[in-house]
Amino acid sequence: MTFIDAIKAGFKNFANFKGTASRSEFWYWVLFTTLLNLVLSQIDALAGIGSTGMGLSSIASLVLFIPNISIIFRRLHDAGFSGWLYAINLVPFAAAAWLAVTFVTEYQASALPVEPGAMGAAITEFATTQSGPIADAILAGDFNGSASAFFTLLFTGVAVVVASIFFYTRKTKTAEQGNKYAGATAPQLYDGGTTS
């Protein structure tokens, strides 16, 4: 499949979560969306929109949200996996929520200031100088639970990236090789230009 064929297939199958997408179709689509986002981000920057508003890159990301998930599902199907394996990406978000809850709980239990202004000043001081009351509380062991939650978040994030690369780069698994998705019930809406 060529670059142009992959883009056409991505748009014509924008909501097709059944069927398969070859490695070339998937990676050409990733290349297309990355290049599009880079170009539109530059246009946003030149127009002065940047991160202050809803620029062209943000609109493109919203428009391409469903097609991106669709092609990921079809790529996972092509490799012989369920498309729902994509939900593995939620694990780091759960770890981040655990980190936030643990940090807030430990922060409130410590002797650190809880007034919004004082808390903000303490966080800013720690972020800029790595000293102050938060640094003292860390050295005293008040945030050991947050440290373990942070390392869990770090580990799950790296593990998900490695797993995603593994799943997305797998060779096509045919029906003869046991891929139950290879002959999916939903027909491909675009065949790469091989028929009229």
C-alpha atoms as a PDB file:
ATOM      1  CA  MET A   1       0.000   0.000   0.000  1.00  0.00           C
ATOM      2  CA  THR A   2       1.316   3.438  -0.901  1.00  0.00           C
ATOM      3  CA  PHE A   3       1.290   6.553   1.252  1.00  0.00           C
ATOM      4  CA  ILE A   4      -1.647   8.068  -0.662  1.00  0.00           C
ATOM      5  CA  ASP A   5      -3.592   4.782  -0.607  1.00  0.00           C
ATOM      6  CA  ALA A   6      -3.116   4.576   3.168  1.00  0.00           C
ATOM      7  CA  ILE A   7      -4.511   8.094   3.624  1.00  0.00           C
ATOM      8  CA  LYS A   8      -7.507   7.282   1.411  1.00  0.00           C
ATOM      9  CA  ALA A   9      -8.088   4.026   3.289  1.00  0.00           C
ATOM     10  CA  GLY A  10      -7.833   5.826   6.624  1.00  0.00           C
ATOM     11  CA  PHE A  11     -10.542   8.308   5.681  1.00  0.00           C
ATOM     12  CA  LYS A  12     -12.797   5.818   3.903  1.00  0.00           C
ATOM     13  CA  ASN A  13     -12.581   3.405   6.854  1.00  0.00           C
ATOM     14  CA  PHE A  14     -12.740   6.189   9.445  1.00  0.00           C
ATOM     15  CA  ALA A  15     -15.296   4.409  11.636  1.00  0.00           C
ATOM     16  CA  ASN A  16     -14.581   0.813  10.618  1.00  0.00           C
ATOM     17  CA  PHE A  17     -13.449  -0.975  13.765  1.00  0.00           C
ATOM     18  CA  LYS A  18     -13.683  -4.405  12.147  1.00  0.00           C
ATOM     19  CA  GLY A  19     -11.399  -5.859   9.534  1.00  0.00           C
ATOM     20  CA  THR A  20      -7.670  -5.370   9.336  1.00  0.00           C
ATOM     21  CA  ALA A  21      -5.059  -2.741   8.496  1.00  0.00           C
ATOM     22  CA  SER A  22      -1.641  -3.803   7.244  1.00  0.00           C
ATOM     23  CA  ARG A  23       1.562  -2.525   8.795  1.00  0.00           C
ATOM     24  CA  SER A  24       2.177  -0.241   5.823  1.00  0.00           C
ATOM     25  CA  GLU A  25      -1.333   1.200   6.020  1.00  0.00           C
ATOM     26  CA  PHE A  26      -0.962   1.807   9.767  1.00  0.00           C
ATOM     27  CA  TRP A  27       2.515   3.359   9.665  1.00  0.00           C
ATOM     28  CA  TYR A  28       1.743   5.492   6.617  1.00  0.00           C
ATOM     29  CA  TRP A  29      -1.322   6.775   8.489  1.00  0.00           C
ATOM     30  CA  VAL A  30       0.838   7.538  11.540  1.00  0.00           C
ATOM     31  CA  LEU A  31       3.300   9.382   9.291  1.00  0.00           C
ATOM     32  CA  PHE A  32       0.460  11.351   7.658  1.00  0.00           C
ATOM     33  CA  THR A  33      -1.107  12.418  10.973  1.00  0.00           C
ATOM     34  CA  THR A  34       2.312  13.348  12.412  1.00  0.00           C
ATOM     35  CA  LEU A  35       3.265  15.453   9.380  1.00  0.00           C
ATOM     36  CA  LEU A  36      -0.179  17.069   9.304  1.00  0.00           C
ATOM     37  CA  ASN A  37       0.080  17.954  12.981  1.00  0.00           C
ATOM     38  CA  LEU A  38       3.580  19.409  12.529  1.00  0.00           C
ATOM     39  CA  VAL A  39       2.503  21.567   9.590  1.00  0.00           C
ATOM     40  CA  LEU A  40      -0.674  22.770  11.289  1.00  0.00           C
ATOM     41  CA  SER A  41       1.215  23.506  14.527  1.00  0.00           C
ATOM     42  CA  GLN A  42       3.615  25.699  12.567  1.00  0.00           C
ATOM     43  CA  ILE A  43       0.696  27.510  10.929  1.00  0.00           C
ATOM     44  CA  ASP A  44      -0.855  28.005  14.376  1.00  0.00           C
ATOM     45  CA  ALA A  45       2.437  29.402  15.682  1.00  0.00           C
ATOM     46  CA  LEU A  46       2.762  31.789  12.737  1.00  0.00           C
ATOM     47  CA  ALA A  47      -0.824  32.917  13.226  1.00  0.00           C
ATOM     48  CA  GLY A  48      -0.128  33.533  16.911  1.00  0.00           C
ATOM     49  CA  ILE A  49      -2.632  30.965  18.111  1.00  0.00           C
ATOM     50  CA  GLY A  50      -0.130  28.562  19.688  1.00  0.00           C
ATOM     51  CA  SER A  51      -1.369  26.995  22.901  1.00  0.00           C
ATOM     52  CA  THR A  52      -3.676  29.898  23.720  1.00  0.00           C
ATOM     53  CA  GLY A  53      -6.619  28.774  21.630  1.00  0.00           C
ATOM     54  CA  MET A  54      -8.231  26.205  19.416  1.00  0.00           C
ATOM     55  CA  GLY A  55      -5.871  26.195  16.472  1.00  0.00           C
ATOM     56  CA  LEU A  56      -5.821  24.141  13.298  1.00  0.00           C
ATOM     57  CA  SER A  57      -3.729  21.388  14.902  1.00  0.00           C
ATOM     58  CA  SER A  58      -6.287  21.020  17.706  1.00  0.00           C
ATOM     59  CA  ILE A  59      -9.143  20.843  15.215  1.00  0.00           C
ATOM     60  CA  ALA A  60      -7.266  18.244  13.150  1.00  0.00           C
ATOM     61  CA  SER A  61      -6.638  16.173  16.275  1.00  0.00           C
ATOM     62  CA  LEU A  62     -10.350  16.204  17.074  1.00  0.00           C
ATOM     63  CA  VAL A  63     -11.311  15.326  13.501  1.00  0.00           C
ATOM     64  CA  LEU A  64      -8.768  12.493  13.350  1.00  0.00           C
ATOM     65  CA  PHE A  65      -9.552  11.069  16.810  1.00  0.00           C
ATOM     66  CA  ILE A  66     -12.000   8.367  15.643  1.00  0.00           C
ATOM     67  CA  PRO A  67     -10.019   7.456  12.489  1.00  0.00           C
ATOM     68  CA  ASN A  68      -6.873   7.061  14.608  1.00  0.00           C
ATOM     69  CA  ILE A  69      -8.571   4.695  17.048  1.00  0.00           C
ATOM     70  CA  SER A  70     -10.198   2.842  14.154  1.00  0.00           C
ATOM     71  CA  ILE A  71      -6.904   2.156  12.394  1.00  0.00           C
ATOM     72  CA  ILE A  72      -5.302   1.085  15.673  1.00  0.00           C
ATOM     73  CA  PHE A  73      -8.118  -1.440  16.211  1.00  0.00           C
ATOM     74  CA  ARG A  74      -7.728  -2.732  12.646  1.00  0.00           C
ATOM     75  CA  ARG A  75      -3.927  -2.935  12.989  1.00  0.00           C
ATOM     76  CA  LEU A  76      -4.280  -4.966  16.174  1.00  0.00           C
ATOM     77  CA  HIS A  77      -6.767  -7.213  14.359  1.00  0.00           C
ATOM     78  CA  ASP A  78      -4.266  -7.700  11.525  1.00  0.00           C
ATOM     79  CA  ALA A  79      -1.653  -8.882  14.041  1.00  0.00           C
ATOM     80  CA  GLY A  80      -4.172 -11.310  15.560  1.00  0.00           C
ATOM     81  CA  PHE A  81      -5.110  -9.345  18.686  1.00  0.00           C
ATOM     82  CA  SER A  82      -8.366  -7.904  19.904  1.00  0.00           C
ATOM     83  CA  GLY A  83      -8.762  -4.203  19.185  1.00  0.00           C
ATOM     84  CA  TRP A  84      -9.670  -3.748  22.820  1.00  0.00           C
ATOM     85  CA  LEU A  85      -6.013  -4.375  23.650  1.00  0.00           C
ATOM     86  CA  TYR A  86      -5.712  -0.648  22.930  1.00  0.00           C
ATOM     87  CA  ALA A  87      -7.311  -0.127  26.362  1.00  0.00           C
ATOM     88  CA  ILE A  88      -3.890  -0.963  27.840  1.00  0.00           C
ATOM     89  CA  ASN A  89      -3.206   2.745  27.314  1.00  0.00           C
ATOM     90  CA  LEU A  90      -5.553   3.478  30.228  1.00  0.00           C
ATOM     91  CA  VAL A  91      -3.214   1.820  32.744  1.00  0.00           C
ATOM     92  CA  PRO A  92      -0.876   4.853  33.083  1.00  0.00           C
ATOM     93  CA  PHE A  93      -3.929   7.089  33.637  1.00  0.00           C
ATOM     94  CA  ALA A  94      -5.011   4.853  36.512  1.00  0.00           C
ATOM     95  CA  ALA A  95      -1.465   5.062  37.907  1.00  0.00           C
ATOM     96  CA  ALA A  96      -1.549   8.873  37.548  1.00  0.00           C
ATOM     97  CA  ALA A  97      -4.846   9.010  39.441  1.00  0.00           C
ATOM     98  CA  TRP A  98      -3.329   6.833  42.169  1.00  0.00           C
ATOM     99  CA  LEU A  99      -0.324   9.181  42.326  1.00  0.00           C
ATOM    100  CA  ALA A 100      -2.567  12.255  42.620  1.00  0.00           C
ATOM    101  CA  VAL A 101      -4.722  10.740  45.379  1.00  0.00           C
ATOM    102  CA  THR A 102      -1.694   9.448  47.269  1.00  0.00           C
ATOM    103  CA  PHE A 103       0.111  12.772  47.018  1.00  0.00           C
ATOM    104  CA  VAL A 104      -2.894  14.806  48.161  1.00  0.00           C
ATOM    105  CA  THR A 105      -3.562  12.402  51.047  1.00  0.00           C
ATOM    106  CA  GLU A 106       0.073  12.476  52.191  1.00  0.00           C
ATOM    107  CA  TYR A 107       0.279  16.238  51.714  1.00  0.00           C
ATOM    108  CA  GLN A 108      -2.778  16.774  53.908  1.00  0.00           C
ATOM    109  CA  ALA A 109      -1.407  14.409  56.567  1.00  0.00           C
ATOM    110  CA  SER A 110       1.915  16.252  56.688  1.00  0.00           C
ATOM    111  CA  ALA A 111       2.588  19.491  58.507  1.00  0.00           C
ATOM    112  CA  LEU A 112       2.822  21.378  55.239  1.00  0.00           C
ATOM    113  CA  PRO A 113       0.628  24.431  54.562  1.00  0.00           C
ATOM    114  CA  VAL A 114      -2.776  23.622  53.099  1.00  0.00           C
ATOM    115  CA  GLU A 115      -3.963  27.154  52.305  1.00  0.00           C
ATOM    116  CA  PRO A 116      -4.014  27.586  48.509  1.00  0.00           C
ATOM    117  CA  GLY A 117      -1.548  30.488  48.445  1.00  0.00           C
ATOM    118  CA  ALA A 118       0.927  28.923  50.858  1.00  0.00           C
ATOM    119  CA  MET A 119       0.624  25.520  49.193  1.00  0.00           C
ATOM    120  CA  GLY A 120       1.254  27.040  45.765  1.00  0.00           C
ATOM    121  CA  ALA A 121       4.290  28.914  47.101  1.00  0.00           C
ATOM    122  CA  ALA A 122       5.677  25.705  48.661  1.00  0.00           C
ATOM    123  CA  ILE A 123       5.185  23.759  45.415  1.00  0.00           C
ATOM    124  CA  THR A 124       6.789  26.560  43.375  1.00  0.00           C
ATOM    125  CA  GLU A 125       9.739  26.737  45.755  1.00  0.00           C
ATOM    126  CA  PHE A 126      10.260  22.987  45.546  1.00  0.00           C
ATOM    127  CA  ALA A 127       9.923  22.969  41.759  1.00  0.00           C
ATOM    128  CA  THR A 128      12.428  25.761  41.249  1.00  0.00           C
ATOM    129  CA  THR A 129      15.000  25.172  44.009  1.00  0.00           C
ATOM    130  CA  GLN A 130      14.357  21.602  45.220  1.00  0.00           C
ATOM    131  CA  SER A 131      14.303  22.963  48.748  1.00  0.00           C
ATOM    132  CA  GLY A 132      11.779  24.224  51.242  1.00  0.00           C
ATOM    133  CA  PRO A 133       9.086  22.508  53.299  1.00  0.00           C
ATOM    134  CA  ILE A 134       8.184  19.930  50.635  1.00  0.00           C
ATOM    135  CA  ALA A 135      11.833  18.879  50.263  1.00  0.00           C
ATOM    136  CA  ASP A 136      12.084  18.583  54.047  1.00  0.00           C
ATOM    137  CA  ALA A 137       8.929  16.430  54.142  1.00  0.00           C
ATOM    138  CA  ILE A 138      10.285  14.177  51.386  1.00  0.00           C
ATOM    139  CA  LEU A 139      13.542  13.694  53.277  1.00  0.00           C
ATOM    140  CA  ALA A 140      11.550  12.891  56.424  1.00  0.00           C
ATOM    141  CA  GLY A 141       9.718  10.128  54.516  1.00  0.00           C
ATOM    142  CA  ASP A 142       6.299  11.789  54.469  1.00  0.00           C
ATOM    143  CA  PHE A 143       5.847  11.046  50.755  1.00  0.00           C
ATOM    144  CA  ASN A 144       7.007   7.424  50.498  1.00  0.00           C
ATOM    145  CA  GLY A 145       3.602   6.335  49.154  1.00  0.00           C
ATOM    146  CA  SER A 146       3.761   9.035  46.486  1.00  0.00           C
ATOM    147  CA  ALA A 147       7.247   7.905  45.515  1.00  0.00           C
ATOM    148  CA  SER A 148       6.050   4.349  44.946  1.00  0.00           C
ATOM    149  CA  ALA A 149       3.045   5.645  43.004  1.00  0.00           C
ATOM    150  CA  PHE A 150       5.365   7.798  40.879  1.00  0.00           C
ATOM    151  CA  PHE A 151       7.628   4.871  40.029  1.00  0.00           C
ATOM    152  CA  THR A 152       4.570   2.759  39.247  1.00  0.00           C
ATOM    153  CA  LEU A 153       3.399   5.486  36.862  1.00  0.00           C
ATOM    154  CA  LEU A 154       6.831   5.658  35.270  1.00  0.00           C
ATOM    155  CA  PHE A 155       7.049   1.867  34.895  1.00  0.00           C
ATOM    156  CA  THR A 156       3.526   1.480  33.462  1.00  0.00           C
ATOM    157  CA  GLY A 157       4.105   4.322  31.003  1.00  0.00           C
ATOM    158  CA  VAL A 158       7.287   2.745  29.673  1.00  0.00           C
ATOM    159  CA  ALA A 159       5.693  -0.730  29.635  1.00  0.00           C
ATOM    160  CA  VAL A 160       2.723   0.521  27.599  1.00  0.00           C
ATOM    161  CA  VAL A 161       5.009   2.186  25.050  1.00  0.00           C
ATOM    162  CA  VAL A 162       7.097  -0.986  24.679  1.00  0.00           C
ATOM    163  CA  ALA A 163       3.972  -3.171  24.435  1.00  0.00           C
ATOM    164  CA  SER A 164       2.416  -0.844  21.857  1.00  0.00           C
ATOM    165  CA  ILE A 165       5.518  -0.948  19.686  1.00  0.00           C
ATOM    166  CA  PHE A 166       5.509  -4.740  19.960  1.00  0.00           C
ATOM    167  CA  PHE A 167       1.834  -5.042  18.993  1.00  0.00           C
ATOM    168  CA  TYR A 168       1.890  -2.459  16.192  1.00  0.00           C
ATOM    169  CA  THR A 169       4.978  -3.893  14.503  1.00  0.00           C
ATOM    170  CA  ARG A 170       3.843  -7.536  14.502  1.00  0.00           C
ATOM    171  CA  LYS A 171       3.572  -9.208  11.119  1.00  0.00           C
ATOM    172  CA  THR A 172       0.193  -9.932   9.614  1.00  0.00           C
ATOM    173  CA  LYS A 173      -1.334 -13.081  11.029  1.00  0.00           C
ATOM    174  CA  THR A 174      -3.475 -14.902   8.473  1.00  0.00           C
ATOM    175  CA  ALA A 175      -6.611 -16.922   9.109  1.00  0.00           C
ATOM    176  CA  GLU A 176      -4.558 -20.065   8.446  1.00  0.00           C
ATOM    177  CA  GLN A 177      -2.265 -19.003  11.294  1.00  0.00           C
ATOM    178  CA  GLY A 178      -5.229 -18.740  13.643  1.00  0.00           C
ATOM    179  CA  ASN A 179      -6.212 -15.081  13.261  1.00  0.00           C
ATOM    180  CA  LYS A 180      -9.939 -14.936  13.915  1.00  0.00           C
ATOM    181  CA  TYR A 181     -10.013 -11.325  12.681  1.00  0.00           C
ATOM    182  CA  ALA A 182      -8.462 -12.044   9.277  1.00  0.00           C
ATOM    183  CA  GLY A 183     -11.805 -12.839   7.677  1.00  0.00           C
ATOM    184  CA  ALA A 184     -13.784 -10.244   9.633  1.00  0.00           C
ATOM    185  CA  THR A 185     -17.453  -9.838   8.814  1.00  0.00           C
ATOM    186  CA  ALA A 186     -17.201  -6.147   7.971  1.00  0.00           C
ATOM    187  CA  PRO A 187     -15.803  -5.661   4.457  1.00  0.00           C
ATOM    188  CA  GLN A 188     -12.957  -3.242   3.922  1.00  0.00           C
ATOM    189  CA  LEU A 189     -14.431  -0.061   2.502  1.00  0.00           C
ATOM    190  CA  TYR A 190     -11.288   0.725   0.525  1.00  0.00           C
ATOM    191  CA  ASP A 191      -9.068  -1.902  -1.097  1.00  0.00           C
ATOM    192  CA  GLY A 192      -6.036   0.241  -1.893  1.00  0.00           C
ATOM    193  CA  GLY A 193      -7.086   1.081  -5.435  1.00  0.00           C
ATOM    194  CA  THR A 194      -6.808  -2.456  -6.829  1.00  0.00           C
ATOM    195  CA  THR A 195     -10.399  -2.443  -8.120  1.00  0.00           C
ATOM    196  CA  SER A 196     -12.455   0.217  -9.785  1.00  0.00           C
END
